[in-house]
Amino acid sequence: MPDEDLAREVQELREALETLRKSFEIVSQMAQSYLRLLNLYAEYGGLSIDVVIPEIKHDPIAREIVKILFDLRRANVSQIARELKGRRGKASRNTVRAKLEELEELGVVREVSSEDNRGRIYTLSRDVVRKWLELIGMPIRFEHANDY
C-alpha cells in the first residue's frame, strides 16, 4: 500500500512540475517580448506602424489610413475618409482612393468582398498584420482570427 501511495504522489508531483514548466515558458516568452518592445522603443523612440512598413514612413496620410484600418479592420473609402477627417481635420475620398491604390500596390492593404456587393471594402493584408503581431510579440495564428 505505501508503494502505491508513493507512486501516486510522485505522479502528482510530476504533473505539477510539468504545469509549472509550461507556465514558466509562457512567462519567459512574455518577458522576451517585453524586452524586445523596450529595445524597439529605445531604438526608434516609439512604436509606429512604419517600423513594419518603412515605405510609408514619410507619408502621413498613408500612415493614418493604415492606423484607421487597424482600428476598424474593414472599411470602405467613405468610412476611411470620414475617420481621416476626424483625425486630421480634412480628407477627400479622391485622396483616400489614391492612397489606397498605392497601399494596395505595396501589398499593405487588400480589397475584400463586401457582404452586399456594393462598393469596395479594404482591409490590411495578412502579411502586414502578421509582421506587426510578431513585432509586438503576440502569438496569434490566423486560423483563429477571421478578421484579416
N, C-alpha and C. Protein backbone atom coordinates (compact mmCIF):
# COMPACT_ATOMS: atom_id res chain seq x y z
N MET A 1 0.80 -1.20 0.00
CA MET A 1 0.00 0.00 0.00
C MET A 1 0.84 1.27 0.00
N PRO A 2 1.88 1.37 0.83
CA PRO A 2 2.68 2.59 0.83
C PRO A 2 3.35 2.84 -0.51
N ASP A 3 3.72 1.76 -1.24
CA ASP A 3 4.35 1.95 -2.54
C ASP A 3 3.37 2.58 -3.54
N GLU A 4 2.11 2.18 -3.47
CA GLU A 4 1.10 2.76 -4.36
C GLU A 4 0.88 4.24 -4.05
N ASP A 5 0.82 4.57 -2.76
CA ASP A 5 0.66 5.96 -2.35
C ASP A 5 1.85 6.80 -2.81
N LEU A 6 3.04 6.23 -2.65
CA LEU A 6 4.26 6.92 -3.06
C LEU A 6 4.28 7.14 -4.58
N ALA A 7 3.89 6.12 -5.34
CA ALA A 7 3.87 6.23 -6.80
C ALA A 7 2.85 7.28 -7.24
N ARG A 8 1.68 7.30 -6.59
CA ARG A 8 0.65 8.29 -6.93
C ARG A 8 1.14 9.69 -6.61
N GLU A 9 1.79 9.85 -5.48
CA GLU A 9 2.31 11.16 -5.08
C GLU A 9 3.41 11.65 -6.02
N VAL A 10 4.28 10.73 -6.44
CA VAL A 10 5.32 11.08 -7.40
C VAL A 10 4.69 11.51 -8.72
N GLN A 11 3.67 10.81 -9.16
CA GLN A 11 2.98 11.17 -10.41
C GLN A 11 2.33 12.54 -10.30
N GLU A 12 1.71 12.83 -9.17
CA GLU A 12 1.10 14.14 -8.96
C GLU A 12 2.15 15.24 -8.98
N LEU A 13 3.30 14.97 -8.37
CA LEU A 13 4.39 15.95 -8.38
C LEU A 13 4.92 16.18 -9.79
N ARG A 14 5.02 15.12 -10.58
CA ARG A 14 5.47 15.26 -11.98
C ARG A 14 4.50 16.14 -12.77
N GLU A 15 3.21 15.89 -12.58
CA GLU A 15 2.20 16.68 -13.28
C GLU A 15 2.26 18.15 -12.86
N ALA A 16 2.44 18.38 -11.57
CA ALA A 16 2.54 19.76 -11.08
C ALA A 16 3.79 20.44 -11.63
N LEU A 17 4.88 19.70 -11.68
CA LEU A 17 6.13 20.25 -12.22
C LEU A 17 5.98 20.58 -13.71
N GLU A 18 5.31 19.74 -14.46
CA GLU A 18 5.08 19.99 -15.88
C GLU A 18 4.22 21.23 -16.09
N THR A 19 3.21 21.40 -15.26
CA THR A 19 2.36 22.59 -15.33
C THR A 19 3.18 23.84 -15.04
N LEU A 20 4.02 23.78 -14.03
CA LEU A 20 4.89 24.92 -13.70
C LEU A 20 5.86 25.22 -14.84
N ARG A 21 6.40 24.18 -15.47
CA ARG A 21 7.33 24.38 -16.58
C ARG A 21 6.65 25.09 -17.74
N LYS A 22 5.43 24.68 -18.06
CA LYS A 22 4.69 25.33 -19.15
C LYS A 22 4.39 26.79 -18.81
N SER A 23 4.02 27.04 -17.57
CA SER A 23 3.76 28.42 -17.13
C SER A 23 5.02 29.26 -17.22
N PHE A 24 6.14 28.69 -16.82
CA PHE A 24 7.40 29.42 -16.89
C PHE A 24 7.77 29.75 -18.33
N GLU A 25 7.51 28.83 -19.27
CA GLU A 25 7.78 29.10 -20.68
C GLU A 25 6.97 30.29 -21.17
N ILE A 26 5.72 30.35 -20.80
CA ILE A 26 4.85 31.46 -21.21
C ILE A 26 5.36 32.77 -20.64
N VAL A 27 5.70 32.78 -19.36
CA VAL A 27 6.21 34.00 -18.72
C VAL A 27 7.53 34.41 -19.35
N SER A 28 8.37 33.44 -19.67
CA SER A 28 9.65 33.74 -20.32
C SER A 28 9.44 34.37 -21.69
N GLN A 29 8.50 33.85 -22.47
CA GLN A 29 8.21 34.43 -23.79
C GLN A 29 7.67 35.84 -23.65
N MET A 30 6.82 36.06 -22.66
CA MET A 30 6.28 37.41 -22.44
C MET A 30 7.39 38.37 -22.05
N ALA A 31 8.31 37.93 -21.22
CA ALA A 31 9.42 38.79 -20.81
C ALA A 31 10.31 39.12 -22.01
N GLN A 32 10.56 38.14 -22.87
CA GLN A 32 11.36 38.40 -24.07
C GLN A 32 10.66 39.39 -24.99
N SER A 33 9.36 39.25 -25.15
CA SER A 33 8.60 40.18 -25.98
C SER A 33 8.64 41.59 -25.39
N TYR A 34 8.51 41.69 -24.10
CA TYR A 34 8.56 42.98 -23.43
C TYR A 34 9.93 43.63 -23.62
N LEU A 35 10.99 42.87 -23.47
CA LEU A 35 12.34 43.42 -23.68
C LEU A 35 12.54 43.84 -25.13
N ARG A 36 11.99 43.06 -26.07
CA ARG A 36 12.10 43.44 -27.49
C ARG A 36 11.38 44.76 -27.73
N LEU A 37 10.20 44.93 -27.13
CA LEU A 37 9.47 46.19 -27.27
C LEU A 37 10.26 47.35 -26.69
N LEU A 38 10.87 47.14 -25.54
CA LEU A 38 11.70 48.20 -24.93
C LEU A 38 12.87 48.56 -25.83
N ASN A 39 13.50 47.56 -26.43
CA ASN A 39 14.62 47.82 -27.35
C ASN A 39 14.15 48.60 -28.57
N LEU A 40 13.01 48.22 -29.13
CA LEU A 40 12.46 48.95 -30.28
C LEU A 40 12.13 50.38 -29.91
N TYR A 41 11.54 50.55 -28.75
CA TYR A 41 11.20 51.89 -28.28
C TYR A 41 12.46 52.73 -28.12
N ALA A 42 13.50 52.13 -27.54
CA ALA A 42 14.76 52.85 -27.35
C ALA A 42 15.42 53.18 -28.69
N GLU A 43 15.33 52.26 -29.64
CA GLU A 43 15.98 52.45 -30.93
C GLU A 43 15.25 53.47 -31.80
N TYR A 44 13.92 53.38 -31.85
CA TYR A 44 13.14 54.24 -32.75
C TYR A 44 12.44 55.39 -32.04
N GLY A 45 12.48 55.43 -30.74
CA GLY A 45 11.81 56.49 -30.00
C GLY A 45 10.31 56.30 -29.90
N GLY A 46 9.83 55.15 -30.27
CA GLY A 46 8.41 54.85 -30.21
C GLY A 46 8.10 53.68 -31.11
N LEU A 47 6.90 53.17 -30.99
CA LEU A 47 6.47 52.08 -31.85
C LEU A 47 5.41 52.61 -32.79
N SER A 48 5.72 52.56 -34.05
CA SER A 48 4.79 53.04 -35.06
C SER A 48 4.73 52.01 -36.17
N ILE A 49 3.67 52.04 -36.92
CA ILE A 49 3.48 51.07 -37.99
C ILE A 49 4.56 51.18 -39.05
N ASP A 50 5.21 52.35 -39.17
CA ASP A 50 6.24 52.48 -40.19
C ASP A 50 7.50 51.68 -39.86
N VAL A 51 7.59 51.12 -38.66
CA VAL A 51 8.68 50.18 -38.36
C VAL A 51 8.46 48.91 -39.17
N VAL A 52 7.21 48.51 -39.34
CA VAL A 52 6.88 47.32 -40.11
C VAL A 52 6.78 47.64 -41.60
N ILE A 53 6.30 48.84 -41.93
CA ILE A 53 6.12 49.26 -43.33
C ILE A 53 6.95 50.52 -43.55
N PRO A 54 8.25 50.39 -43.78
CA PRO A 54 9.08 51.59 -43.92
C PRO A 54 8.73 52.44 -45.14
N GLU A 55 8.04 51.88 -46.12
CA GLU A 55 7.68 52.63 -47.33
C GLU A 55 6.73 53.79 -47.03
N ILE A 56 6.01 53.73 -45.93
CA ILE A 56 5.05 54.79 -45.62
C ILE A 56 5.57 55.75 -44.55
N LYS A 57 6.83 55.65 -44.23
CA LYS A 57 7.39 56.46 -43.15
C LYS A 57 7.20 57.96 -43.39
N HIS A 58 7.36 58.41 -44.63
CA HIS A 58 7.29 59.84 -44.95
C HIS A 58 5.96 60.24 -45.57
N ASP A 59 4.95 59.41 -45.41
CA ASP A 59 3.63 59.69 -45.96
C ASP A 59 2.60 59.67 -44.83
N PRO A 60 2.33 60.83 -44.22
CA PRO A 60 1.45 60.85 -43.05
C PRO A 60 0.02 60.39 -43.34
N ILE A 61 -0.47 60.64 -44.54
CA ILE A 61 -1.84 60.21 -44.86
C ILE A 61 -1.90 58.69 -44.96
N ALA A 62 -0.93 58.09 -45.64
CA ALA A 62 -0.90 56.63 -45.76
C ALA A 62 -0.75 55.98 -44.38
N ARG A 63 0.10 56.56 -43.54
CA ARG A 63 0.27 56.03 -42.17
C ARG A 63 -1.05 56.07 -41.41
N GLU A 64 -1.75 57.18 -41.54
CA GLU A 64 -3.02 57.33 -40.82
C GLU A 64 -4.07 56.37 -41.36
N ILE A 65 -4.09 56.14 -42.67
CA ILE A 65 -5.03 55.17 -43.25
C ILE A 65 -4.75 53.78 -42.70
N VAL A 66 -3.48 53.41 -42.60
CA VAL A 66 -3.13 52.10 -42.04
C VAL A 66 -3.59 52.01 -40.59
N LYS A 67 -3.40 53.08 -39.82
CA LYS A 67 -3.86 53.08 -38.42
C LYS A 67 -5.38 52.94 -38.35
N ILE A 68 -6.06 53.62 -39.27
CA ILE A 68 -7.53 53.53 -39.30
C ILE A 68 -7.97 52.10 -39.60
N LEU A 69 -7.30 51.46 -40.54
CA LEU A 69 -7.66 50.07 -40.87
C LEU A 69 -7.31 49.12 -39.73
N PHE A 70 -6.28 49.44 -38.96
CA PHE A 70 -6.02 48.64 -37.77
C PHE A 70 -7.17 48.78 -36.78
N ASP A 71 -7.69 49.99 -36.65
CA ASP A 71 -8.78 50.24 -35.70
C ASP A 71 -10.11 49.65 -36.18
N LEU A 72 -10.43 49.87 -37.46
CA LEU A 72 -11.74 49.47 -37.99
C LEU A 72 -11.75 48.05 -38.56
N ARG A 73 -10.60 47.53 -38.89
CA ARG A 73 -10.39 46.22 -39.52
C ARG A 73 -10.83 46.18 -40.97
N ARG A 74 -12.02 46.66 -41.28
CA ARG A 74 -12.53 46.71 -42.66
C ARG A 74 -13.26 48.03 -42.82
N ALA A 75 -13.06 48.66 -43.97
CA ALA A 75 -13.75 49.93 -44.20
C ALA A 75 -13.76 50.24 -45.69
N ASN A 76 -14.78 51.01 -46.11
CA ASN A 76 -14.81 51.48 -47.49
C ASN A 76 -14.18 52.87 -47.54
N VAL A 77 -14.08 53.42 -48.74
CA VAL A 77 -13.41 54.71 -48.93
C VAL A 77 -14.08 55.81 -48.11
N SER A 78 -15.40 55.85 -48.12
CA SER A 78 -16.12 56.90 -47.37
C SER A 78 -15.88 56.79 -45.87
N GLN A 79 -15.90 55.58 -45.35
CA GLN A 79 -15.65 55.39 -43.92
C GLN A 79 -14.24 55.83 -43.54
N ILE A 80 -13.28 55.48 -44.38
CA ILE A 80 -11.89 55.87 -44.12
C ILE A 80 -11.75 57.38 -44.20
N ALA A 81 -12.37 58.00 -45.22
CA ALA A 81 -12.29 59.46 -45.37
C ALA A 81 -12.92 60.17 -44.18
N ARG A 82 -14.04 59.67 -43.70
CA ARG A 82 -14.71 60.27 -42.54
C ARG A 82 -13.82 60.18 -41.30
N GLU A 83 -13.23 59.02 -41.09
CA GLU A 83 -12.35 58.83 -39.93
C GLU A 83 -11.08 59.68 -40.07
N LEU A 84 -10.56 59.76 -41.28
CA LEU A 84 -9.36 60.56 -41.53
C LEU A 84 -9.64 62.04 -41.29
N LYS A 85 -10.81 62.49 -41.70
CA LYS A 85 -11.19 63.89 -41.46
C LYS A 85 -11.28 64.18 -39.97
N GLY A 86 -11.81 63.23 -39.21
CA GLY A 86 -11.88 63.41 -37.76
C GLY A 86 -10.52 63.46 -37.10
N ARG A 87 -9.56 62.75 -37.66
CA ARG A 87 -8.23 62.69 -37.06
C ARG A 87 -7.31 63.80 -37.54
N ARG A 88 -7.44 64.20 -38.81
CA ARG A 88 -6.51 65.17 -39.39
C ARG A 88 -7.15 66.52 -39.70
N GLY A 89 -8.47 66.59 -39.65
CA GLY A 89 -9.13 67.85 -39.93
C GLY A 89 -9.63 67.98 -41.35
N LYS A 90 -9.04 67.24 -42.27
CA LYS A 90 -9.52 67.28 -43.65
C LYS A 90 -9.18 65.97 -44.35
N ALA A 91 -9.98 65.64 -45.34
CA ALA A 91 -9.76 64.43 -46.14
C ALA A 91 -10.76 64.41 -47.28
N SER A 92 -10.30 63.94 -48.42
CA SER A 92 -11.22 63.77 -49.54
C SER A 92 -11.23 62.30 -49.95
N ARG A 93 -12.36 61.87 -50.48
CA ARG A 93 -12.44 60.48 -50.93
C ARG A 93 -11.47 60.20 -52.07
N ASN A 94 -11.23 61.22 -52.92
CA ASN A 94 -10.28 61.02 -54.02
C ASN A 94 -8.87 60.76 -53.50
N THR A 95 -8.46 61.52 -52.48
CA THR A 95 -7.13 61.31 -51.89
C THR A 95 -7.06 59.94 -51.24
N VAL A 96 -8.10 59.58 -50.50
CA VAL A 96 -8.12 58.27 -49.84
C VAL A 96 -8.06 57.16 -50.87
N ARG A 97 -8.84 57.29 -51.94
CA ARG A 97 -8.84 56.28 -53.00
C ARG A 97 -7.45 56.13 -53.62
N ALA A 98 -6.79 57.26 -53.89
CA ALA A 98 -5.44 57.22 -54.48
C ALA A 98 -4.44 56.57 -53.52
N LYS A 99 -4.52 56.92 -52.25
CA LYS A 99 -3.61 56.33 -51.26
C LYS A 99 -3.86 54.83 -51.10
N LEU A 100 -5.13 54.44 -51.14
CA LEU A 100 -5.45 53.01 -51.03
C LEU A 100 -4.88 52.24 -52.21
N GLU A 101 -4.92 52.83 -53.40
CA GLU A 101 -4.33 52.18 -54.57
C GLU A 101 -2.83 52.01 -54.39
N GLU A 102 -2.15 53.06 -53.87
CA GLU A 102 -0.71 52.97 -53.61
C GLU A 102 -0.43 51.88 -52.57
N LEU A 103 -1.21 51.87 -51.51
CA LEU A 103 -1.01 50.88 -50.45
C LEU A 103 -1.30 49.46 -50.95
N GLU A 104 -2.25 49.35 -51.86
CA GLU A 104 -2.56 48.04 -52.43
C GLU A 104 -1.39 47.54 -53.29
N GLU A 105 -0.79 48.45 -54.07
CA GLU A 105 0.37 48.09 -54.88
C GLU A 105 1.56 47.66 -54.02
N LEU A 106 1.69 48.28 -52.84
CA LEU A 106 2.77 47.91 -51.91
C LEU A 106 2.47 46.62 -51.16
N GLY A 107 1.25 46.13 -51.27
CA GLY A 107 0.87 44.91 -50.55
C GLY A 107 0.49 45.16 -49.10
N VAL A 108 0.19 46.42 -48.78
CA VAL A 108 -0.16 46.78 -47.40
C VAL A 108 -1.64 46.55 -47.14
N VAL A 109 -2.48 46.92 -48.10
CA VAL A 109 -3.92 46.69 -47.97
C VAL A 109 -4.39 45.80 -49.10
N ARG A 110 -5.56 45.25 -48.93
CA ARG A 110 -6.17 44.45 -49.99
C ARG A 110 -7.66 44.71 -50.00
N GLU A 111 -8.22 44.55 -51.17
CA GLU A 111 -9.66 44.72 -51.31
C GLU A 111 -10.34 43.39 -51.01
N VAL A 112 -11.41 43.44 -50.24
CA VAL A 112 -12.15 42.23 -49.90
C VAL A 112 -13.59 42.42 -50.34
N SER A 113 -14.29 41.33 -50.53
CA SER A 113 -15.68 41.44 -50.97
C SER A 113 -16.55 41.91 -49.82
N SER A 114 -17.51 42.74 -50.17
CA SER A 114 -18.44 43.24 -49.16
C SER A 114 -19.62 42.28 -49.07
N GLU A 115 -20.32 42.34 -47.98
CA GLU A 115 -21.46 41.45 -47.77
C GLU A 115 -22.60 41.73 -48.75
N ASP A 116 -22.77 43.00 -49.11
CA ASP A 116 -23.87 43.35 -50.01
C ASP A 116 -23.40 43.61 -51.44
N ASN A 117 -22.12 43.33 -51.73
CA ASN A 117 -21.53 43.51 -53.06
C ASN A 117 -21.65 44.94 -53.57
N ARG A 118 -21.70 45.90 -52.66
CA ARG A 118 -21.76 47.31 -53.05
C ARG A 118 -20.51 47.99 -52.54
N GLY A 119 -19.78 48.59 -53.44
CA GLY A 119 -18.59 49.34 -53.05
C GLY A 119 -17.41 48.44 -52.73
N ARG A 120 -16.29 49.08 -52.59
CA ARG A 120 -15.05 48.37 -52.28
C ARG A 120 -14.77 48.46 -50.79
N ILE A 121 -14.42 47.34 -50.22
CA ILE A 121 -14.06 47.28 -48.81
C ILE A 121 -12.57 46.94 -48.74
N TYR A 122 -11.86 47.65 -47.89
CA TYR A 122 -10.42 47.44 -47.75
C TYR A 122 -10.08 46.94 -46.35
N THR A 123 -9.04 46.16 -46.29
CA THR A 123 -8.51 45.67 -45.03
C THR A 123 -6.99 45.58 -45.16
N LEU A 124 -6.32 45.48 -44.05
CA LEU A 124 -4.87 45.31 -44.09
C LEU A 124 -4.54 43.91 -44.58
N SER A 125 -3.41 43.77 -45.26
CA SER A 125 -3.01 42.45 -45.72
C SER A 125 -2.59 41.61 -44.52
N ARG A 126 -2.76 40.32 -44.65
CA ARG A 126 -2.37 39.41 -43.57
C ARG A 126 -0.88 39.53 -43.26
N ASP A 127 -0.09 39.78 -44.28
CA ASP A 127 1.36 39.89 -44.09
C ASP A 127 1.70 41.05 -43.16
N VAL A 128 1.05 42.19 -43.36
CA VAL A 128 1.29 43.36 -42.52
C VAL A 128 0.84 43.09 -41.09
N VAL A 129 -0.33 42.50 -40.93
CA VAL A 129 -0.83 42.19 -39.59
C VAL A 129 0.10 41.19 -38.91
N ARG A 130 0.54 40.17 -39.65
CA ARG A 130 1.44 39.17 -39.09
C ARG A 130 2.75 39.80 -38.64
N LYS A 131 3.32 40.68 -39.47
CA LYS A 131 4.58 41.35 -39.10
C LYS A 131 4.39 42.21 -37.85
N TRP A 132 3.27 42.93 -37.77
CA TRP A 132 3.01 43.78 -36.60
C TRP A 132 2.89 42.93 -35.34
N LEU A 133 2.13 41.83 -35.44
CA LEU A 133 1.96 40.97 -34.28
C LEU A 133 3.28 40.33 -33.85
N GLU A 134 4.11 39.96 -34.83
CA GLU A 134 5.44 39.44 -34.49
C GLU A 134 6.27 40.51 -33.80
N LEU A 135 6.19 41.73 -34.30
CA LEU A 135 6.96 42.83 -33.72
C LEU A 135 6.60 43.05 -32.26
N ILE A 136 5.32 43.02 -31.95
CA ILE A 136 4.92 43.28 -30.57
C ILE A 136 4.86 42.01 -29.73
N GLY A 137 5.18 40.87 -30.35
CA GLY A 137 5.28 39.63 -29.59
C GLY A 137 3.97 38.95 -29.27
N MET A 138 2.98 39.10 -30.15
CA MET A 138 1.68 38.46 -29.93
C MET A 138 1.61 37.17 -30.74
N PRO A 139 1.51 36.02 -30.08
CA PRO A 139 1.48 34.74 -30.80
C PRO A 139 0.07 34.38 -31.28
N ILE A 140 -0.46 35.15 -32.21
CA ILE A 140 -1.81 34.89 -32.73
C ILE A 140 -1.67 34.22 -34.10
N ARG A 141 -2.42 33.15 -34.29
CA ARG A 141 -2.42 32.46 -35.57
C ARG A 141 -3.66 32.89 -36.35
N PHE A 142 -3.51 33.01 -37.66
CA PHE A 142 -4.62 33.47 -38.49
C PHE A 142 -5.75 32.47 -38.59
N GLU A 143 -5.48 31.21 -38.28
CA GLU A 143 -6.56 30.23 -38.30
C GLU A 143 -7.63 30.59 -37.27
N HIS A 144 -7.22 31.34 -36.23
CA HIS A 144 -8.13 31.71 -35.16
C HIS A 144 -8.64 33.14 -35.28
N ALA A 145 -8.18 33.86 -36.29
CA ALA A 145 -8.59 35.26 -36.46
C ALA A 145 -9.11 35.44 -37.88
N ASN A 146 -10.42 35.54 -38.03
CA ASN A 146 -11.03 35.65 -39.36
C ASN A 146 -11.15 37.08 -39.85
N ASP A 147 -10.76 38.05 -39.05
CA ASP A 147 -10.96 39.45 -39.44
C ASP A 147 -9.99 39.91 -40.52
N TYR A 148 -8.88 39.22 -40.71
CA TYR A 148 -7.88 39.67 -41.68
C TYR A 148 -7.68 38.66 -42.77
